[in-house]
Amino acid sequence: MSELLFFDTLRQGLWISVLISAPLLGVALVVGLAIGLFQALTSVQEMTLTFVPKMAAILGVFWVSMSFMSLTLGRYFHDTLLPIIEGF
């Protein structure tokens, strides 16, 4: 395996990981920001108020985007990694 092929495969793998994690991290950011703003406006400082809604939102988005994640990862494995394993 050449150095160029190794780094290109690594770059594609990192990009796939960014694509797969973006919906979950985006929802966690938005929900955390909304709850933080709510807590700042109402002076309610409850620890479970931040954890439970954020986990519920992440779980919901994970459930909705699970097919996208598995298709993207499967396509990367099939198109990029299998030819390398088979030796082109």
N, C-alpha and C. Protein backbone atom coordinates (compact mmCIF):
# COMPACT_ATOMS: atom_id res chain seq x y z
N MET A 1 0.85 -1.16 0.00
CA MET A 1 0.00 0.00 0.00
C MET A 1 0.90 1.23 0.00
N SER A 2 0.66 2.09 -0.96
CA SER A 2 1.48 3.30 -1.05
C SER A 2 1.04 4.31 0.00
N GLU A 3 1.93 5.25 0.22
CA GLU A 3 1.66 6.29 1.22
C GLU A 3 0.49 7.18 0.78
N LEU A 4 0.41 7.47 -0.49
CA LEU A 4 -0.67 8.29 -1.01
C LEU A 4 -2.03 7.61 -0.83
N LEU A 5 -2.10 6.32 -1.11
CA LEU A 5 -3.34 5.58 -0.93
C LEU A 5 -3.74 5.51 0.55
N PHE A 6 -2.75 5.34 1.42
CA PHE A 6 -3.02 5.29 2.85
C PHE A 6 -3.63 6.59 3.34
N PHE A 7 -3.01 7.71 2.99
CA PHE A 7 -3.50 9.01 3.46
C PHE A 7 -4.84 9.38 2.83
N ASP A 8 -5.06 8.99 1.59
CA ASP A 8 -6.35 9.25 0.95
C ASP A 8 -7.46 8.44 1.62
N THR A 9 -7.18 7.18 1.95
CA THR A 9 -8.16 6.35 2.65
C THR A 9 -8.44 6.89 4.04
N LEU A 10 -7.40 7.33 4.72
CA LEU A 10 -7.56 7.93 6.04
C LEU A 10 -8.39 9.20 5.98
N ARG A 11 -8.13 10.04 4.97
CA ARG A 11 -8.89 11.28 4.80
C ARG A 11 -10.36 10.98 4.54
N GLN A 12 -10.64 10.01 3.69
CA GLN A 12 -12.02 9.64 3.40
C GLN A 12 -12.70 9.07 4.64
N GLY A 13 -11.99 8.28 5.42
CA GLY A 13 -12.55 7.73 6.65
C GLY A 13 -12.88 8.80 7.66
N LEU A 14 -12.00 9.79 7.79
CA LEU A 14 -12.28 10.90 8.71
C LEU A 14 -13.47 11.72 8.23
N TRP A 15 -13.58 11.92 6.92
CA TRP A 15 -14.71 12.68 6.40
C TRP A 15 -16.03 11.92 6.62
N ILE A 16 -16.02 10.62 6.46
CA ILE A 16 -17.21 9.80 6.72
C ILE A 16 -17.60 9.90 8.19
N SER A 17 -16.62 9.89 9.07
CA SER A 17 -16.94 10.01 10.50
C SER A 17 -17.53 11.37 10.83
N VAL A 18 -17.09 12.41 10.15
CA VAL A 18 -17.69 13.74 10.34
C VAL A 18 -19.12 13.75 9.84
N LEU A 19 -19.36 13.16 8.67
CA LEU A 19 -20.71 13.11 8.12
C LEU A 19 -21.67 12.32 9.01
N ILE A 20 -21.19 11.23 9.55
CA ILE A 20 -22.04 10.38 10.38
C ILE A 20 -22.35 11.05 11.72
N SER A 21 -21.37 11.74 12.29
CA SER A 21 -21.59 12.32 13.61
C SER A 21 -22.22 13.71 13.58
N ALA A 22 -22.28 14.35 12.44
CA ALA A 22 -22.79 15.72 12.35
C ALA A 22 -24.25 15.87 12.82
N PRO A 23 -25.17 15.01 12.43
CA PRO A 23 -26.55 15.20 12.92
C PRO A 23 -26.67 15.08 14.44
N LEU A 24 -25.98 14.12 15.02
CA LEU A 24 -26.05 13.94 16.47
C LEU A 24 -25.42 15.12 17.22
N LEU A 25 -24.27 15.55 16.77
CA LEU A 25 -23.59 16.66 17.44
C LEU A 25 -24.34 17.97 17.24
N GLY A 26 -24.93 18.15 16.06
CA GLY A 26 -25.70 19.36 15.81
C GLY A 26 -26.93 19.47 16.71
N VAL A 27 -27.63 18.36 16.87
CA VAL A 27 -28.81 18.36 17.74
C VAL A 27 -28.40 18.56 19.19
N ALA A 28 -27.31 17.93 19.61
CA ALA A 28 -26.84 18.11 20.99
C ALA A 28 -26.47 19.57 21.24
N LEU A 29 -25.86 20.21 20.26
CA LEU A 29 -25.50 21.62 20.39
C LEU A 29 -26.73 22.51 20.49
N VAL A 30 -27.70 22.30 19.61
CA VAL A 30 -28.89 23.15 19.60
C VAL A 30 -29.72 22.95 20.86
N VAL A 31 -29.94 21.71 21.26
CA VAL A 31 -30.73 21.44 22.46
C VAL A 31 -30.01 21.95 23.71
N GLY A 32 -28.71 21.74 23.79
CA GLY A 32 -27.94 22.24 24.93
C GLY A 32 -27.97 23.75 25.01
N LEU A 33 -27.88 24.43 23.87
CA LEU A 33 -27.95 25.88 23.85
C LEU A 33 -29.32 26.38 24.26
N ALA A 34 -30.38 25.73 23.78
CA ALA A 34 -31.74 26.14 24.15
C ALA A 34 -32.00 25.92 25.64
N ILE A 35 -31.56 24.81 26.17
CA ILE A 35 -31.76 24.54 27.59
C ILE A 35 -30.92 25.47 28.44
N GLY A 36 -29.70 25.76 28.01
CA GLY A 36 -28.85 26.71 28.73
C GLY A 36 -29.46 28.10 28.75
N LEU A 37 -30.04 28.50 27.63
CA LEU A 37 -30.71 29.80 27.57
C LEU A 37 -31.93 29.81 28.48
N PHE A 38 -32.70 28.72 28.48
CA PHE A 38 -33.86 28.61 29.36
C PHE A 38 -33.44 28.68 30.83
N GLN A 39 -32.37 28.00 31.17
CA GLN A 39 -31.90 28.02 32.56
C GLN A 39 -31.39 29.39 32.96
N ALA A 40 -30.76 30.08 32.05
CA ALA A 40 -30.27 31.42 32.37
C ALA A 40 -31.41 32.41 32.54
N LEU A 41 -32.47 32.24 31.74
CA LEU A 41 -33.60 33.17 31.84
C LEU A 41 -34.47 32.91 33.05
N THR A 42 -34.58 31.67 33.47
CA THR A 42 -35.49 31.34 34.58
C THR A 42 -34.77 31.07 35.90
N SER A 43 -33.47 31.08 35.90
CA SER A 43 -32.65 30.81 37.10
C SER A 43 -32.92 29.43 37.68
N VAL A 44 -33.32 28.48 36.85
CA VAL A 44 -33.49 27.09 37.28
C VAL A 44 -32.17 26.38 37.01
N GLN A 45 -31.52 25.87 38.03
CA GLN A 45 -30.23 25.22 37.87
C GLN A 45 -30.33 23.74 38.24
N GLU A 46 -31.08 23.00 37.49
CA GLU A 46 -31.27 21.57 37.73
C GLU A 46 -30.39 20.80 36.75
N MET A 47 -29.60 19.86 37.28
CA MET A 47 -28.66 19.12 36.44
C MET A 47 -29.38 18.17 35.47
N THR A 48 -30.46 17.55 35.91
CA THR A 48 -31.16 16.61 35.04
C THR A 48 -31.91 17.33 33.93
N LEU A 49 -32.16 18.62 34.10
CA LEU A 49 -32.84 19.39 33.07
C LEU A 49 -31.99 19.48 31.80
N THR A 50 -30.68 19.45 31.94
CA THR A 50 -29.83 19.50 30.75
C THR A 50 -29.59 18.10 30.18
N PHE A 51 -29.51 17.11 31.03
CA PHE A 51 -29.11 15.77 30.57
C PHE A 51 -30.24 15.03 29.87
N VAL A 52 -31.40 14.97 30.47
CA VAL A 52 -32.49 14.13 29.96
C VAL A 52 -33.01 14.62 28.61
N PRO A 53 -33.33 15.90 28.42
CA PRO A 53 -33.81 16.31 27.09
C PRO A 53 -32.74 16.16 25.99
N LYS A 54 -31.48 16.40 26.37
CA LYS A 54 -30.42 16.25 25.37
C LYS A 54 -30.28 14.79 24.94
N MET A 55 -30.34 13.88 25.88
CA MET A 55 -30.25 12.46 25.54
C MET A 55 -31.46 12.00 24.74
N ALA A 56 -32.65 12.51 25.08
CA ALA A 56 -33.85 12.15 24.33
C ALA A 56 -33.77 12.67 22.89
N ALA A 57 -33.28 13.89 22.72
CA ALA A 57 -33.15 14.44 21.38
C ALA A 57 -32.10 13.67 20.56
N ILE A 58 -30.98 13.33 21.19
CA ILE A 58 -29.94 12.58 20.49
C ILE A 58 -30.46 11.20 20.10
N LEU A 59 -31.18 10.57 21.00
CA LEU A 59 -31.74 9.25 20.70
C LEU A 59 -32.74 9.33 19.55
N GLY A 60 -33.58 10.36 19.54
CA GLY A 60 -34.54 10.53 18.45
C GLY A 60 -33.87 10.77 17.11
N VAL A 61 -32.85 11.62 17.10
CA VAL A 61 -32.14 11.88 15.85
C VAL A 61 -31.36 10.65 15.40
N PHE A 62 -30.81 9.91 16.35
CA PHE A 62 -30.10 8.68 15.99
C PHE A 62 -31.05 7.68 15.36
N TRP A 63 -32.24 7.59 15.90
CA TRP A 63 -33.23 6.65 15.36
C TRP A 63 -33.64 7.05 13.94
N VAL A 64 -33.82 8.36 13.73
CA VAL A 64 -34.24 8.84 12.41
C VAL A 64 -33.11 8.71 11.39
N SER A 65 -31.88 9.01 11.79
CA SER A 65 -30.78 9.03 10.83
C SER A 65 -29.96 7.74 10.80
N MET A 66 -30.44 6.70 11.44
CA MET A 66 -29.70 5.45 11.47
C MET A 66 -29.52 4.85 10.07
N SER A 67 -30.52 4.96 9.23
CA SER A 67 -30.38 4.40 7.87
C SER A 67 -29.34 5.18 7.06
N PHE A 68 -29.32 6.50 7.22
CA PHE A 68 -28.30 7.32 6.54
C PHE A 68 -26.90 6.93 7.01
N MET A 69 -26.75 6.75 8.31
CA MET A 69 -25.44 6.41 8.86
C MET A 69 -24.96 5.05 8.37
N SER A 70 -25.84 4.07 8.40
CA SER A 70 -25.43 2.73 7.99
C SER A 70 -25.18 2.66 6.48
N LEU A 71 -25.98 3.35 5.69
CA LEU A 71 -25.75 3.37 4.24
C LEU A 71 -24.43 4.07 3.89
N THR A 72 -24.13 5.17 4.56
CA THR A 72 -22.90 5.90 4.30
C THR A 72 -21.68 5.07 4.68
N LEU A 73 -21.73 4.45 5.84
CA LEU A 73 -20.61 3.63 6.28
C LEU A 73 -20.47 2.38 5.41
N GLY A 74 -21.57 1.76 5.03
CA GLY A 74 -21.53 0.60 4.15
C GLY A 74 -20.99 0.93 2.78
N ARG A 75 -21.39 2.09 2.24
CA ARG A 75 -20.89 2.52 0.93
C ARG A 75 -19.39 2.79 0.98
N TYR A 76 -18.93 3.41 2.07
CA TYR A 76 -17.49 3.65 2.22
C TYR A 76 -16.73 2.32 2.30
N PHE A 77 -17.25 1.39 3.06
CA PHE A 77 -16.58 0.10 3.19
C PHE A 77 -16.55 -0.64 1.85
N HIS A 78 -17.69 -0.62 1.15
CA HIS A 78 -17.79 -1.36 -0.11
C HIS A 78 -16.96 -0.71 -1.21
N ASP A 79 -17.00 0.62 -1.32
CA ASP A 79 -16.32 1.31 -2.42
C ASP A 79 -14.84 1.55 -2.16
N THR A 80 -14.45 1.70 -0.90
CA THR A 80 -13.06 2.09 -0.61
C THR A 80 -12.25 0.98 0.03
N LEU A 81 -12.77 0.39 1.09
CA LEU A 81 -11.96 -0.55 1.84
C LEU A 81 -11.91 -1.96 1.22
N LEU A 82 -13.01 -2.43 0.69
CA LEU A 82 -13.00 -3.78 0.09
C LEU A 82 -12.02 -3.89 -1.09
N PRO A 83 -11.96 -2.91 -2.01
CA PRO A 83 -10.95 -3.03 -3.07
C PRO A 83 -9.52 -3.05 -2.53
N ILE A 84 -9.25 -2.33 -1.44
CA ILE A 84 -7.91 -2.34 -0.88
C ILE A 84 -7.62 -3.71 -0.26
N ILE A 85 -8.62 -4.25 0.44
CA ILE A 85 -8.43 -5.56 1.07
C ILE A 85 -8.24 -6.64 0.01
N GLU A 86 -9.02 -6.56 -1.08
CA GLU A 86 -8.92 -7.56 -2.14
C GLU A 86 -7.67 -7.40 -2.98
N GLY A 87 -7.02 -6.26 -2.88
CA GLY A 87 -5.80 -6.03 -3.67
C GLY A 87 -6.10 -5.43 -5.02
N PHE A 88 -7.14 -4.60 -5.08
CA PHE A 88 -7.59 -3.93 -6.29
C PHE A 88 -8.17 -4.94 -7.17
